Amino acid sequence: MMCNVTRASVALPILRDILDKWQNPSAMIQAPVPILTEMLKPIGLHVKRASRMILLSHAFLVDPPDFSNLRKPTSPKKRTDGTHYPPTPISHLPGVGPYALDSFRIFSPYMSGGGAASREKEALALLAEKYADGSDTASDVLSPSLGFEEWKNVTPSDKELARYMVSPLVSCHKYLVLPRPHGCNLDMEMGDRRF
């Protein structure tokens, strides 16, 4: 919502200011719309963003995400491969579209597999161990699978999420099982990514 048609470097400081002022959904629904709108003005779409933030906060309080109640996305949009997004605990919230769904499935520590970010320390340790004596190659750095990991099945259409999914840090333990992001050519030997 904050980074739609706005660079993160511009939007994130404003988001931090907003979250400092209204620190949770209960506080956000009480936010005076004129003040919130004024804070959002520098990044544009301020009236729309303000109303969406309040609407999302209200929906979160009334019907919070629940992992025992996975829901189909309310958006009729399909993924780039033509299939529908799988149900998630956040799919019913207003404003949750493809980027939010992909991000949630990649990074949420509550999804099966613990999210990609939870594996970064493991990936770095594996790289350090494998390359310590200089005898191994990148294709040898495969972590053992610990069962189904949701994040490995995400093929994001967003270019930044796609870059993350093919980064050496993330890919080092899922080479050969990583679906290629839409529009991405990956040279597995050199790790070169072209979008």
Protein backbone atom coordinates (compact mmCIF):
# COMPACT_ATOMS: atom_id res chain seq x y z
CA MET A 1 0.00 0.00 0.00
CA MET A 2 2.77 2.45 0.91
CA CYS A 3 5.10 1.48 -1.92
CA ASN A 4 2.52 1.50 -4.72
CA VAL A 5 3.94 3.90 -7.32
CA THR A 6 6.36 5.18 -4.66
CA ARG A 7 9.97 4.27 -3.92
CA ALA A 8 10.48 2.53 -0.58
CA SER A 9 13.22 5.02 0.33
CA VAL A 10 10.57 7.76 0.27
CA ALA A 11 7.60 5.80 1.68
CA LEU A 12 9.23 3.97 4.59
CA PRO A 13 10.23 7.04 6.65
CA ILE A 14 6.63 8.25 6.40
CA LEU A 15 5.33 4.83 7.40
CA ARG A 16 7.65 4.86 10.43
CA ASP A 17 6.29 8.27 11.45
CA ILE A 18 2.71 6.99 11.11
CA LEU A 19 3.46 3.84 13.12
CA ASP A 20 5.15 5.92 15.81
CA LYS A 21 1.98 7.97 16.13
CA TRP A 22 -0.57 5.12 15.82
CA GLN A 23 1.18 1.94 16.94
CA ASN A 24 -1.52 -0.68 16.43
CA PRO A 25 -4.77 -1.26 14.52
CA SER A 26 -6.90 -0.01 17.44
CA ALA A 27 -5.05 3.30 17.44
CA MET A 28 -5.06 3.52 13.63
CA ILE A 29 -8.85 3.36 13.36
CA GLN A 30 -8.98 6.34 15.73
CA ALA A 31 -6.51 8.35 13.61
CA PRO A 32 -7.94 11.68 12.47
CA VAL A 33 -8.24 11.38 8.70
CA PRO A 34 -7.06 14.97 8.01
CA ILE A 35 -3.85 14.43 10.02
CA LEU A 36 -3.16 11.03 8.46
CA THR A 37 -3.86 12.42 4.99
CA GLU A 38 -1.49 15.33 5.59
CA MET A 39 1.28 12.94 6.71
CA LEU A 40 0.82 10.89 3.53
CA LYS A 41 0.70 13.89 1.19
CA PRO A 42 4.43 13.82 0.24
CA ILE A 43 4.06 10.38 -1.37
CA GLY A 44 0.84 11.07 -3.24
CA LEU A 45 -2.43 9.13 -3.28
CA HIS A 46 -2.79 10.43 0.27
CA VAL A 47 -6.58 10.36 0.51
CA LYS A 48 -6.76 6.82 -0.87
CA ARG A 49 -3.87 5.56 1.29
CA ALA A 50 -5.31 7.09 4.47
CA SER A 51 -8.72 5.49 3.94
CA ARG A 52 -7.13 2.14 3.09
CA MET A 53 -4.96 2.17 6.21
CA ILE A 54 -7.99 2.79 8.39
CA LEU A 55 -10.10 0.22 6.50
CA LEU A 56 -7.33 -2.41 6.78
CA SER A 57 -6.91 -1.72 10.50
CA HIS A 58 -10.65 -2.06 11.07
CA ALA A 59 -10.82 -5.33 9.10
CA PHE A 60 -7.82 -6.66 11.02
CA LEU A 61 -9.56 -6.00 14.33
CA VAL A 62 -12.95 -7.37 13.26
CA ASP A 63 -11.62 -10.46 11.49
CA PRO A 64 -7.90 -11.01 12.26
CA PRO A 65 -5.73 -13.49 10.37
CA ASP A 66 -6.32 -17.02 11.60
CA PHE A 67 -4.12 -19.94 10.55
CA SER A 68 -6.90 -22.38 11.28
CA ASN A 69 -9.11 -20.56 8.77
CA LEU A 70 -7.25 -20.16 5.47
CA ARG A 71 -9.21 -18.19 2.90
CA LYS A 72 -9.17 -17.66 -0.81
CA PRO A 73 -8.03 -14.22 -1.93
CA THR A 74 -10.82 -11.69 -2.35
CA SER A 75 -9.05 -10.35 -5.44
CA PRO A 76 -9.95 -12.30 -8.58
CA LYS A 77 -6.41 -11.78 -9.91
CA LYS A 78 -4.46 -14.81 -11.02
CA ARG A 79 -0.75 -15.42 -10.69
CA THR A 80 1.51 -14.90 -13.69
CA ASP A 81 1.31 -18.61 -14.48
CA GLY A 82 -2.49 -18.39 -14.77
CA THR A 83 -3.29 -20.25 -11.55
CA HIS A 84 -5.10 -18.79 -8.55
CA TYR A 85 -3.33 -17.82 -5.36
CA PRO A 86 -3.63 -20.42 -2.62
CA PRO A 87 -5.63 -19.59 0.51
CA THR A 88 -3.76 -17.77 3.28
CA PRO A 89 -4.70 -16.28 6.67
CA ILE A 90 -4.47 -12.74 5.22
CA SER A 91 -6.27 -13.22 1.90
CA HIS A 92 -9.54 -11.75 3.17
CA LEU A 93 -8.10 -8.42 4.27
CA PRO A 94 -8.83 -5.37 2.09
CA GLY A 95 -5.96 -4.23 -0.08
CA VAL A 96 -4.22 -7.60 -0.01
CA GLY A 97 -3.24 -8.28 -3.60
CA PRO A 98 -0.57 -10.31 -5.40
CA TYR A 99 2.43 -8.51 -3.85
CA ALA A 100 1.14 -8.90 -0.29
CA LEU A 101 0.19 -12.54 -0.84
CA ASP A 102 3.58 -13.39 -2.35
CA SER A 103 5.42 -11.50 0.41
CA PHE A 104 3.43 -13.23 3.12
CA ARG A 105 4.06 -16.66 1.63
CA ILE A 106 7.80 -15.95 1.28
CA PHE A 107 8.57 -14.24 4.59
CA SER A 108 5.97 -15.26 7.15
CA PRO A 109 7.54 -17.34 9.92
CA TYR A 110 4.10 -18.86 10.50
CA MET A 111 3.81 -20.51 7.09
CA SER A 112 5.03 -24.09 6.70
CA GLY A 113 8.81 -24.09 6.43
CA GLY A 114 9.17 -20.95 8.55
CA GLY A 115 9.64 -18.46 5.72
CA ALA A 116 12.70 -17.73 3.61
CA ALA A 117 14.20 -15.24 6.05
CA SER A 118 14.32 -17.89 8.77
CA ARG A 119 16.71 -19.88 6.60
CA GLU A 120 19.27 -17.12 5.97
CA LYS A 121 21.46 -18.03 8.98
CA GLU A 122 21.32 -21.68 7.93
CA ALA A 123 22.24 -20.74 4.36
CA LEU A 124 25.18 -18.59 5.48
CA ALA A 125 26.44 -21.33 7.81
CA LEU A 126 26.16 -23.88 4.99
CA LEU A 127 28.07 -21.61 2.61
CA ALA A 128 30.80 -20.98 5.19
CA GLU A 129 31.12 -24.69 5.94
CA LYS A 130 31.07 -25.83 2.32
CA TYR A 131 33.52 -23.22 1.09
CA ALA A 132 35.90 -23.47 4.08
CA ASP A 133 38.30 -25.81 2.32
CA GLY A 134 37.60 -24.47 -1.19
CA SER A 135 36.65 -27.86 -2.62
CA ASP A 136 32.90 -27.40 -3.07
CA THR A 137 30.95 -25.52 -5.72
CA ALA A 138 27.73 -23.55 -5.43
CA SER A 139 25.70 -26.46 -6.83
CA ASP A 140 26.82 -28.59 -3.86
CA VAL A 141 25.32 -26.20 -1.33
CA LEU A 142 21.92 -27.80 -0.86
CA SER A 143 20.26 -27.79 2.53
CA PRO A 144 18.28 -30.84 3.52
CA SER A 145 14.55 -30.42 3.10
CA LEU A 146 12.64 -30.32 6.35
CA GLY A 147 9.31 -31.07 4.75
CA PHE A 148 7.10 -28.77 2.71
CA GLU A 149 8.28 -25.18 2.64
CA GLU A 150 5.67 -22.77 1.30
CA TRP A 151 8.15 -20.07 0.32
CA LYS A 152 9.88 -22.36 -2.18
CA ASN A 153 6.67 -22.54 -4.22
CA VAL A 154 6.21 -18.81 -4.71
CA THR A 155 6.85 -17.40 -8.17
CA PRO A 156 6.46 -13.66 -7.63
CA SER A 157 5.61 -11.27 -10.44
CA ASP A 158 7.10 -8.31 -8.55
CA LYS A 159 10.66 -7.70 -9.78
CA GLU A 160 12.13 -7.09 -6.31
CA LEU A 161 10.56 -10.22 -4.83
CA ALA A 162 11.73 -12.16 -7.90
CA ARG A 163 15.28 -10.85 -7.38
CA TYR A 164 15.14 -11.94 -3.75
CA MET A 165 14.00 -15.42 -4.72
CA VAL A 166 16.96 -15.93 -7.06
CA SER A 167 19.57 -14.26 -4.86
CA PRO A 168 22.51 -16.54 -4.03
CA LEU A 169 21.77 -16.34 -0.30
CA VAL A 170 18.23 -17.67 -0.73
CA SER A 171 18.92 -19.92 -3.69
CA CYS A 172 22.01 -21.62 -2.29
CA HIS A 173 19.89 -24.24 -0.57
CA LYS A 174 17.16 -24.60 -3.11
CA TYR A 175 18.97 -24.72 -6.46
CA LEU A 176 17.36 -27.13 -8.86
CA VAL A 177 13.97 -26.85 -7.15
CA LEU A 178 13.46 -23.10 -7.56
CA PRO A 179 10.80 -22.18 -10.11
CA ARG A 180 12.03 -19.36 -12.30
CA PRO A 181 10.30 -16.04 -11.63
CA HIS A 182 8.29 -14.74 -14.57
CA GLY A 183 10.59 -12.83 -16.92
CA CYS A 184 13.80 -13.88 -15.17
CA ASN A 185 16.69 -15.66 -16.83
CA LEU A 186 19.08 -17.14 -14.30
CA ASP A 187 22.52 -18.42 -15.18
CA MET A 188 22.94 -21.07 -12.47
CA GLU A 189 26.68 -21.35 -12.96
CA MET A 190 27.49 -17.65 -12.68
CA GLY A 191 24.53 -16.57 -10.58
CA ASP A 192 23.81 -13.82 -13.10
CA ARG A 193 20.23 -12.54 -12.97
CA ARG A 194 18.73 -10.59 -15.84
CA PHE A 195 15.21 -9.15 -15.73
